[in-house]
Amino acid sequence: MSDATAALEGARAILVERFAEDATLIGTLREEVWSRGRLCSRVRARRAKPGAKFADYFGFSEPLARLPSATRSASTNFSVDRYRNAA
């Protein structure tokens, strides 16, 4: 590896691949997320005015376990995305 950052990224990729192949771990993580996780939304900096029609969701937070069962159906896909503010 050319530097420490690249080495850490390579190690992370190896670990993620190993974890993804562990069905017991994946099942445990899935249950933890559904039982303890929350769906949250917040308005981005300087976006309240242009996004005013979505104001009801600017401070939304709800435990995943309280979401309607339809959101956990086999026909619905969800993802967890982390917003990264461009500096």
PDB file of N, CA and C in Angstrom:
ATOM      1  N   MET A   1       0.832  -1.183   0.000  1.00  0.00           N
ATOM      2  CA  MET A   1       0.000   0.000   0.000  1.00  0.00           C
ATOM      3  C   MET A   1       0.877   1.247   0.000  1.00  0.00           C
ATOM      4  N   SER A   2       0.375   2.267  -0.634  1.00  0.00           N
ATOM      5  CA  SER A   2       1.164   3.481  -0.762  1.00  0.00           C
ATOM      6  C   SER A   2       1.181   4.318   0.507  1.00  0.00           C
ATOM      7  N   ASP A   3       0.150   4.233   1.314  1.00  0.00           N
ATOM      8  CA  ASP A   3       0.134   5.006   2.551  1.00  0.00           C
ATOM      9  C   ASP A   3      -0.826   4.374   3.551  1.00  0.00           C
ATOM     10  N   ALA A   4      -0.871   4.929   4.748  1.00  0.00           N
ATOM     11  CA  ALA A   4      -1.691   4.372   5.821  1.00  0.00           C
ATOM     12  C   ALA A   4      -3.174   4.405   5.472  1.00  0.00           C
ATOM     13  N   THR A   5      -3.634   5.451   4.812  1.00  0.00           N
ATOM     14  CA  THR A   5      -5.042   5.555   4.453  1.00  0.00           C
ATOM     15  C   THR A   5      -5.455   4.430   3.518  1.00  0.00           C
ATOM     16  N   ALA A   6      -4.649   4.162   2.525  1.00  0.00           N
ATOM     17  CA  ALA A   6      -4.941   3.086   1.577  1.00  0.00           C
ATOM     18  C   ALA A   6      -4.909   1.730   2.277  1.00  0.00           C
ATOM     19  N   ALA A   7      -3.962   1.544   3.189  1.00  0.00           N
ATOM     20  CA  ALA A   7      -3.871   0.286   3.930  1.00  0.00           C
ATOM     21  C   ALA A   7      -5.117   0.071   4.786  1.00  0.00           C
ATOM     22  N   LEU A   8      -5.575   1.114   5.458  1.00  0.00           N
ATOM     23  CA  LEU A   8      -6.779   1.006   6.277  1.00  0.00           C
ATOM     24  C   LEU A   8      -8.005   0.739   5.416  1.00  0.00           C
ATOM     25  N   GLU A   9      -8.091   1.370   4.264  1.00  0.00           N
ATOM     26  CA  GLU A   9      -9.213   1.139   3.355  1.00  0.00           C
ATOM     27  C   GLU A   9      -9.221  -0.312   2.871  1.00  0.00           C
ATOM     28  N   GLY A  10      -8.051  -0.840   2.566  1.00  0.00           N
ATOM     29  CA  GLY A  10      -7.951  -2.238   2.146  1.00  0.00           C
ATOM     30  C   GLY A  10      -8.368  -3.192   3.258  1.00  0.00           C
ATOM     31  N   ALA A  11      -7.927  -2.916   4.484  1.00  0.00           N
ATOM     32  CA  ALA A  11      -8.305  -3.747   5.626  1.00  0.00           C
ATOM     33  C   ALA A  11      -9.810  -3.679   5.853  1.00  0.00           C
ATOM     34  N   ARG A  12     -10.386  -2.480   5.713  1.00  0.00           N
ATOM     35  CA  ARG A  12     -11.827  -2.318   5.880  1.00  0.00           C
ATOM     36  C   ARG A  12     -12.590  -3.157   4.854  1.00  0.00           C
ATOM     37  N   ALA A  13     -12.141  -3.133   3.626  1.00  0.00           N
ATOM     38  CA  ALA A  13     -12.805  -3.896   2.562  1.00  0.00           C
ATOM     39  C   ALA A  13     -12.758  -5.394   2.858  1.00  0.00           C
ATOM     40  N   ILE A  14     -11.625  -5.878   3.346  1.00  0.00           N
ATOM     41  CA  ILE A  14     -11.484  -7.298   3.688  1.00  0.00           C
ATOM     42  C   ILE A  14     -12.447  -7.673   4.816  1.00  0.00           C
ATOM     43  N   LEU A  15     -12.507  -6.827   5.856  1.00  0.00           N
ATOM     44  CA  LEU A  15     -13.394  -7.107   6.985  1.00  0.00           C
ATOM     45  C   LEU A  15     -14.863  -7.064   6.571  1.00  0.00           C
ATOM     46  N   VAL A  16     -15.232  -6.087   5.757  1.00  0.00           N
ATOM     47  CA  VAL A  16     -16.621  -5.984   5.305  1.00  0.00           C
ATOM     48  C   VAL A  16     -17.007  -7.243   4.535  1.00  0.00           C
ATOM     49  N   GLU A  17     -16.124  -7.736   3.694  1.00  0.00           N
ATOM     50  CA  GLU A  17     -16.410  -8.951   2.932  1.00  0.00           C
ATOM     51  C   GLU A  17     -16.597 -10.146   3.866  1.00  0.00           C
ATOM     52  N   ARG A  18     -15.735 -10.273   4.856  1.00  0.00           N
ATOM     53  CA  ARG A  18     -15.856 -11.379   5.814  1.00  0.00           C
ATOM     54  C   ARG A  18     -17.143 -11.285   6.612  1.00  0.00           C
ATOM     55  N   PHE A  19     -17.476 -10.077   7.079  1.00  0.00           N
ATOM     56  CA  PHE A  19     -18.698  -9.892   7.857  1.00  0.00           C
ATOM     57  C   PHE A  19     -19.930 -10.216   7.016  1.00  0.00           C
ATOM     58  N   ALA A  20     -19.911  -9.817   5.752  1.00  0.00           N
ATOM     59  CA  ALA A  20     -21.054 -10.033   4.869  1.00  0.00           C
ATOM     60  C   ALA A  20     -21.322 -11.516   4.638  1.00  0.00           C
ATOM     61  N   GLU A  21     -20.309 -12.341   4.795  1.00  0.00           N
ATOM     62  CA  GLU A  21     -20.458 -13.777   4.585  1.00  0.00           C
ATOM     63  C   GLU A  21     -20.913 -14.513   5.840  1.00  0.00           C
ATOM     64  N   ASP A  22     -21.033 -13.816   6.964  1.00  0.00           N
ATOM     65  CA  ASP A  22     -21.415 -14.423   8.242  1.00  0.00           C
ATOM     66  C   ASP A  22     -22.915 -14.229   8.469  1.00  0.00           C
ATOM     67  N   ALA A  23     -23.700 -15.260   8.133  1.00  0.00           N
ATOM     68  CA  ALA A  23     -25.160 -15.157   8.208  1.00  0.00           C
ATOM     69  C   ALA A  23     -25.651 -14.887   9.625  1.00  0.00           C
ATOM     70  N   THR A  24     -25.009 -15.470  10.627  1.00  0.00           N
ATOM     71  CA  THR A  24     -25.409 -15.239  12.015  1.00  0.00           C
ATOM     72  C   THR A  24     -25.207 -13.781  12.393  1.00  0.00           C
ATOM     73  N   LEU A  25     -24.072 -13.234  12.027  1.00  0.00           N
ATOM     74  CA  LEU A  25     -23.791 -11.825  12.319  1.00  0.00           C
ATOM     75  C   LEU A  25     -24.793 -10.913  11.619  1.00  0.00           C
ATOM     76  N   ILE A  26     -25.053 -11.176  10.351  1.00  0.00           N
ATOM     77  CA  ILE A  26     -25.996 -10.351   9.589  1.00  0.00           C
ATOM     78  C   ILE A  26     -27.380 -10.403  10.218  1.00  0.00           C
ATOM     79  N   GLY A  27     -27.818 -11.578  10.624  1.00  0.00           N
ATOM     80  CA  GLY A  27     -29.123 -11.711  11.275  1.00  0.00           C
ATOM     81  C   GLY A  27     -29.192 -10.946  12.584  1.00  0.00           C
ATOM     82  N   THR A  28     -28.132 -11.035  13.382  1.00  0.00           N
ATOM     83  CA  THR A  28     -28.077 -10.308  14.650  1.00  0.00           C
ATOM     84  C   THR A  28     -28.099  -8.806  14.412  1.00  0.00           C
ATOM     85  N   LEU A  29     -27.308  -8.335  13.457  1.00  0.00           N
ATOM     86  CA  LEU A  29     -27.294  -6.904  13.145  1.00  0.00           C
ATOM     87  C   LEU A  29     -28.648  -6.422  12.648  1.00  0.00           C
ATOM     88  N   ARG A  30     -29.286  -7.204  11.803  1.00  0.00           N
ATOM     89  CA  ARG A  30     -30.605  -6.842  11.280  1.00  0.00           C
ATOM     90  C   ARG A  30     -31.601  -6.686  12.429  1.00  0.00           C
ATOM     91  N   GLU A  31     -31.611  -7.636  13.350  1.00  0.00           N
ATOM     92  CA  GLU A  31     -32.523  -7.565  14.498  1.00  0.00           C
ATOM     93  C   GLU A  31     -32.212  -6.365  15.390  1.00  0.00           C
ATOM     94  N   GLU A  32     -30.938  -6.067  15.600  1.00  0.00           N
ATOM     95  CA  GLU A  32     -30.551  -4.905  16.408  1.00  0.00           C
ATOM     96  C   GLU A  32     -31.012  -3.602  15.767  1.00  0.00           C
ATOM     97  N   VAL A  33     -30.817  -3.499  14.471  1.00  0.00           N
ATOM     98  CA  VAL A  33     -31.229  -2.279  13.774  1.00  0.00           C
ATOM     99  C   VAL A  33     -32.743  -2.105  13.881  1.00  0.00           C
ATOM    100  N   TRP A  34     -33.511  -3.158  13.615  1.00  0.00           N
ATOM    101  CA  TRP A  34     -34.968  -3.030  13.661  1.00  0.00           C
ATOM    102  C   TRP A  34     -35.484  -2.803  15.074  1.00  0.00           C
ATOM    103  N   SER A  35     -34.831  -3.352  16.093  1.00  0.00           N
ATOM    104  CA  SER A  35     -35.332  -3.194  17.452  1.00  0.00           C
ATOM    105  C   SER A  35     -34.835  -1.921  18.130  1.00  0.00           C
ATOM    106  N   ARG A  36     -33.649  -1.425  17.752  1.00  0.00           N
ATOM    107  CA  ARG A  36     -33.082  -0.268  18.435  1.00  0.00           C
ATOM    108  C   ARG A  36     -32.864   0.948  17.538  1.00  0.00           C
ATOM    109  N   GLY A  37     -32.985   0.775  16.231  1.00  0.00           N
ATOM    110  CA  GLY A  37     -32.708   1.867  15.298  1.00  0.00           C
ATOM    111  C   GLY A  37     -33.831   2.887  15.226  1.00  0.00           C
ATOM    112  N   ARG A  38     -33.516   4.025  14.658  1.00  0.00           N
ATOM    113  CA  ARG A  38     -34.487   5.109  14.473  1.00  0.00           C
ATOM    114  C   ARG A  38     -34.378   5.630  13.050  1.00  0.00           C
ATOM    115  N   LEU A  39     -35.519   6.040  12.511  1.00  0.00           N
ATOM    116  CA  LEU A  39     -35.559   6.738  11.231  1.00  0.00           C
ATOM    117  C   LEU A  39     -35.623   8.220  11.570  1.00  0.00           C
ATOM    118  N   CYS A  40     -34.647   8.975  11.132  1.00  0.00           N
ATOM    119  CA  CYS A  40     -34.556  10.402  11.475  1.00  0.00           C
ATOM    120  C   CYS A  40     -34.343  11.234  10.221  1.00  0.00           C
ATOM    121  N   SER A  41     -34.883  12.433  10.244  1.00  0.00           N
ATOM    122  CA  SER A  41     -34.605  13.386   9.170  1.00  0.00           C
ATOM    123  C   SER A  41     -34.431  14.764   9.780  1.00  0.00           C
ATOM    124  N   ARG A  42     -33.550  15.520   9.195  1.00  0.00           N
ATOM    125  CA  ARG A  42     -33.278  16.877   9.627  1.00  0.00           C
ATOM    126  C   ARG A  42     -33.042  17.737   8.391  1.00  0.00           C
ATOM    127  N   VAL A  43     -33.398  18.983   8.512  1.00  0.00           N
ATOM    128  CA  VAL A  43     -33.197  19.893   7.391  1.00  0.00           C
ATOM    129  C   VAL A  43     -31.700  20.197   7.259  1.00  0.00           C
ATOM    130  N   ARG A  44     -31.241  20.291   6.042  1.00  0.00           N
ATOM    131  CA  ARG A  44     -29.845  20.658   5.791  1.00  0.00           C
ATOM    132  C   ARG A  44     -29.653  22.145   6.036  1.00  0.00           C
ATOM    133  N   ALA A  45     -28.436  22.503   6.345  1.00  0.00           N
ATOM    134  CA  ALA A  45     -28.099  23.912   6.585  1.00  0.00           C
ATOM    135  C   ALA A  45     -28.511  24.759   5.381  1.00  0.00           C
ATOM    136  N   ARG A  46     -29.168  25.860   5.650  1.00  0.00           N
ATOM    137  CA  ARG A  46     -29.589  26.835   4.641  1.00  0.00           C
ATOM    138  C   ARG A  46     -30.570  26.259   3.615  1.00  0.00           C
ATOM    139  N   ARG A  47     -31.295  25.194   3.982  1.00  0.00           N
ATOM    140  CA  ARG A  47     -32.245  24.604   3.036  1.00  0.00           C
ATOM    141  C   ARG A  47     -33.684  24.644   3.550  1.00  0.00           C
ATOM    142  N   ALA A  48     -33.923  25.273   4.705  1.00  0.00           N
ATOM    143  CA  ALA A  48     -35.270  25.301   5.266  1.00  0.00           C
ATOM    144  C   ALA A  48     -36.248  26.039   4.356  1.00  0.00           C
ATOM    145  N   LYS A  49     -35.841  27.184   3.839  1.00  0.00           N
ATOM    146  CA  LYS A  49     -36.758  27.964   3.002  1.00  0.00           C
ATOM    147  C   LYS A  49     -37.072  27.255   1.680  1.00  0.00           C
ATOM    148  N   PRO A  50     -36.048  26.801   0.905  1.00  0.00           N
ATOM    149  CA  PRO A  50     -36.380  26.119  -0.356  1.00  0.00           C
ATOM    150  C   PRO A  50     -37.140  24.806  -0.139  1.00  0.00           C
ATOM    151  N   GLY A  51     -36.970  24.190   1.017  1.00  0.00           N
ATOM    152  CA  GLY A  51     -37.637  22.908   1.266  1.00  0.00           C
ATOM    153  C   GLY A  51     -38.824  23.029   2.193  1.00  0.00           C
ATOM    154  N   ALA A  52     -39.416  24.215   2.280  1.00  0.00           N
ATOM    155  CA  ALA A  52     -40.496  24.482   3.239  1.00  0.00           C
ATOM    156  C   ALA A  52     -41.668  23.510   3.114  1.00  0.00           C
ATOM    157  N   LYS A  53     -41.944  23.004   1.925  1.00  0.00           N
ATOM    158  CA  LYS A  53     -43.078  22.092   1.776  1.00  0.00           C
ATOM    159  C   LYS A  53     -42.850  20.776   2.523  1.00  0.00           C
ATOM    160  N   PHE A  54     -41.605  20.513   2.933  1.00  0.00           N
ATOM    161  CA  PHE A  54     -41.281  19.308   3.695  1.00  0.00           C
ATOM    162  C   PHE A  54     -41.036  19.608   5.168  1.00  0.00           C
ATOM    163  N   ALA A  55     -41.469  20.769   5.630  1.00  0.00           N
ATOM    164  CA  ALA A  55     -41.193  21.217   7.004  1.00  0.00           C
ATOM    165  C   ALA A  55     -41.653  20.218   8.063  1.00  0.00           C
ATOM    166  N   ASP A  56     -42.690  19.463   7.794  1.00  0.00           N
ATOM    167  CA  ASP A  56     -43.171  18.468   8.760  1.00  0.00           C
ATOM    168  C   ASP A  56     -42.108  17.420   9.074  1.00  0.00           C
ATOM    169  N   TYR A  57     -41.146  17.256   8.191  1.00  0.00           N
ATOM    170  CA  TYR A  57     -40.130  16.221   8.363  1.00  0.00           C
ATOM    171  C   TYR A  57     -38.774  16.772   8.794  1.00  0.00           C
ATOM    172  N   PHE A  58     -38.675  18.069   9.023  1.00  0.00           N
ATOM    173  CA  PHE A  58     -37.386  18.676   9.367  1.00  0.00           C
ATOM    174  C   PHE A  58     -36.819  18.126  10.672  1.00  0.00           C
ATOM    175  N   GLY A  59     -37.654  17.755  11.603  1.00  0.00           N
ATOM    176  CA  GLY A  59     -37.176  17.221  12.877  1.00  0.00           C
ATOM    177  C   GLY A  59     -37.789  15.870  13.193  1.00  0.00           C
ATOM    178  N   PHE A  60     -38.033  15.057  12.180  1.00  0.00           N
ATOM    179  CA  PHE A  60     -38.684  13.763  12.355  1.00  0.00           C
ATOM    180  C   PHE A  60     -37.737  12.741  12.968  1.00  0.00           C
ATOM    181  N   SER A  61     -38.260  11.959  13.910  1.00  0.00           N
ATOM    182  CA  SER A  61     -37.512  10.859  14.501  1.00  0.00           C
ATOM    183  C   SER A  61     -38.504   9.830  15.021  1.00  0.00           C
ATOM    184  N   GLU A  62     -38.355   8.592  14.580  1.00  0.00           N
ATOM    185  CA  GLU A  62     -39.289   7.539  14.974  1.00  0.00           C
ATOM    186  C   GLU A  62     -38.520   6.218  15.094  1.00  0.00           C
ATOM    187  N   PRO A  63     -38.742   5.466  16.171  1.00  0.00           N
ATOM    188  CA  PRO A  63     -38.098   4.150  16.264  1.00  0.00           C
ATOM    189  C   PRO A  63     -38.532   3.269  15.090  1.00  0.00           C
ATOM    190  N   LEU A  64     -37.614   2.518  14.531  1.00  0.00           N
ATOM    191  CA  LEU A  64     -37.959   1.635  13.412  1.00  0.00           C
ATOM    192  C   LEU A  64     -39.020   0.625  13.820  1.00  0.00           C
ATOM    193  N   ALA A  65     -38.997   0.185  15.064  1.00  0.00           N
ATOM    194  CA  ALA A  65     -39.960  -0.806  15.532  1.00  0.00           C
ATOM    195  C   ALA A  65     -41.391  -0.268  15.490  1.00  0.00           C
ATOM    196  N   ARG A  66     -41.570   1.047  15.490  1.00  0.00           N
ATOM    197  CA  ARG A  66     -42.912   1.641  15.453  1.00  0.00           C
ATOM    198  C   ARG A  66     -43.401   1.931  14.044  1.00  0.00           C
ATOM    199  N   LEU A  67     -42.571   1.740  13.052  1.00  0.00           N
ATOM    200  CA  LEU A  67     -43.000   1.990  11.680  1.00  0.00           C
ATOM    201  C   LEU A  67     -44.076   0.981  11.290  1.00  0.00           C
ATOM    202  N   PRO A  68     -44.990   1.366  10.434  1.00  0.00           N
ATOM    203  CA  PRO A  68     -46.025   0.420   9.998  1.00  0.00           C
ATOM    204  C   PRO A  68     -45.402  -0.833   9.401  1.00  0.00           C
ATOM    205  N   SER A  69     -46.050  -1.954   9.586  1.00  0.00           N
ATOM    206  CA  SER A  69     -45.492  -3.228   9.129  1.00  0.00           C
ATOM    207  C   SER A  69     -45.263  -3.250   7.628  1.00  0.00           C
ATOM    208  N   ALA A  70     -46.005  -2.464   6.857  1.00  0.00           N
ATOM    209  CA  ALA A  70     -45.814  -2.429   5.400  1.00  0.00           C
ATOM    210  C   ALA A  70     -44.412  -1.961   5.041  1.00  0.00           C
ATOM    211  N   THR A  71     -43.776  -1.185   5.902  1.00  0.00           N
ATOM    212  CA  THR A  71     -42.437  -0.705   5.594  1.00  0.00           C
ATOM    213  C   THR A  71     -41.404  -1.806   5.750  1.00  0.00           C
ATOM    214  N   ARG A  72     -41.798  -2.924   6.344  1.00  0.00           N
ATOM    215  CA  ARG A  72     -40.872  -4.031   6.537  1.00  0.00           C
ATOM    216  C   ARG A  72     -41.244  -5.227   5.680  1.00  0.00           C
ATOM    217  N   SER A  73     -42.009  -5.003   4.654  1.00  0.00           N
ATOM    218  CA  SER A  73     -42.474  -6.103   3.814  1.00  0.00           C
ATOM    219  C   SER A  73     -41.392  -6.531   2.830  1.00  0.00           C
ATOM    220  N   ALA A  74     -41.613  -7.686   2.251  1.00  0.00           N
ATOM    221  CA  ALA A  74     -40.657  -8.222   1.282  1.00  0.00           C
ATOM    222  C   ALA A  74     -40.633  -7.413  -0.007  1.00  0.00           C
ATOM    223  N   SER A  75     -41.656  -6.594  -0.232  1.00  0.00           N
ATOM    224  CA  SER A  75     -41.722  -5.832  -1.478  1.00  0.00           C
ATOM    225  C   SER A  75     -41.149  -4.421  -1.342  1.00  0.00           C
ATOM    226  N   THR A  76     -40.620  -4.097  -0.172  1.00  0.00           N
ATOM    227  CA  THR A  76     -40.101  -2.753   0.059  1.00  0.00           C
ATOM    228  C   THR A  76     -38.614  -2.812   0.357  1.00  0.00           C
ATOM    229  N   ASN A  77     -37.846  -1.948  -0.280  1.00  0.00           N
ATOM    230  CA  ASN A  77     -36.414  -1.862  -0.010  1.00  0.00           C
ATOM    231  C   ASN A  77     -36.093  -0.553   0.683  1.00  0.00           C
ATOM    232  N   PHE A  78     -35.253  -0.628   1.684  1.00  0.00           N
ATOM    233  CA  PHE A  78     -34.780   0.555   2.381  1.00  0.00           C
ATOM    234  C   PHE A  78     -33.275   0.513   2.424  1.00  0.00           C
ATOM    235  N   SER A  79     -32.682   1.667   2.534  1.00  0.00           N
ATOM    236  CA  SER A  79     -31.231   1.716   2.724  1.00  0.00           C
ATOM    237  C   SER A  79     -30.920   2.752   3.772  1.00  0.00           C
ATOM    238  N   VAL A  80     -29.770   2.602   4.372  1.00  0.00           N
ATOM    239  CA  VAL A  80     -29.297   3.574   5.353  1.00  0.00           C
ATOM    240  C   VAL A  80     -28.168   4.340   4.680  1.00  0.00           C
ATOM    241  N   ASP A  81     -28.409   5.596   4.434  1.00  0.00           N
ATOM    242  CA  ASP A  81     -27.420   6.435   3.775  1.00  0.00           C
ATOM    243  C   ASP A  81     -26.974   7.513   4.734  1.00  0.00           C
ATOM    244  N   ARG A  82     -25.707   7.783   4.739  1.00  0.00           N
ATOM    245  CA  ARG A  82     -25.180   8.836   5.595  1.00  0.00           C
ATOM    246  C   ARG A  82     -24.888  10.038   4.729  1.00  0.00           C
ATOM    247  N   TYR A  83     -25.535  11.139   5.056  1.00  0.00           N
ATOM    248  CA  TYR A  83     -25.310  12.378   4.303  1.00  0.00           C
ATOM    249  C   TYR A  83     -23.944  12.916   4.669  1.00  0.00           C
ATOM    250  N   ARG A  84     -23.153  13.197   3.679  1.00  0.00           N
ATOM    251  CA  ARG A  84     -21.831  13.788   3.909  1.00  0.00           C
ATOM    252  C   ARG A  84     -21.845  15.178   3.350  1.00  0.00           C
ATOM    253  N   ASN A  85     -21.671  16.133   4.207  1.00  0.00           N
ATOM    254  CA  ASN A  85     -21.669  17.528   3.797  1.00  0.00           C
ATOM    255  C   ASN A  85     -20.358  17.834   3.089  1.00  0.00           C
ATOM    256  N   ALA A  86     -20.447  18.299   1.875  1.00  0.00           N
ATOM    257  CA  ALA A  86     -19.233  18.647   1.121  1.00  0.00           C
ATOM    258  C   ALA A  86     -18.602  19.866   1.760  1.00  0.00           C
ATOM    259  N   ALA A  87     -17.356  19.739   2.149  1.00  0.00           N
ATOM    260  CA  ALA A  87     -16.666  20.841   2.819  1.00  0.00           C
ATOM    261  C   ALA A  87     -16.017  21.768   1.809  1.00  0.00           C
TER     262      ALA A  87
END
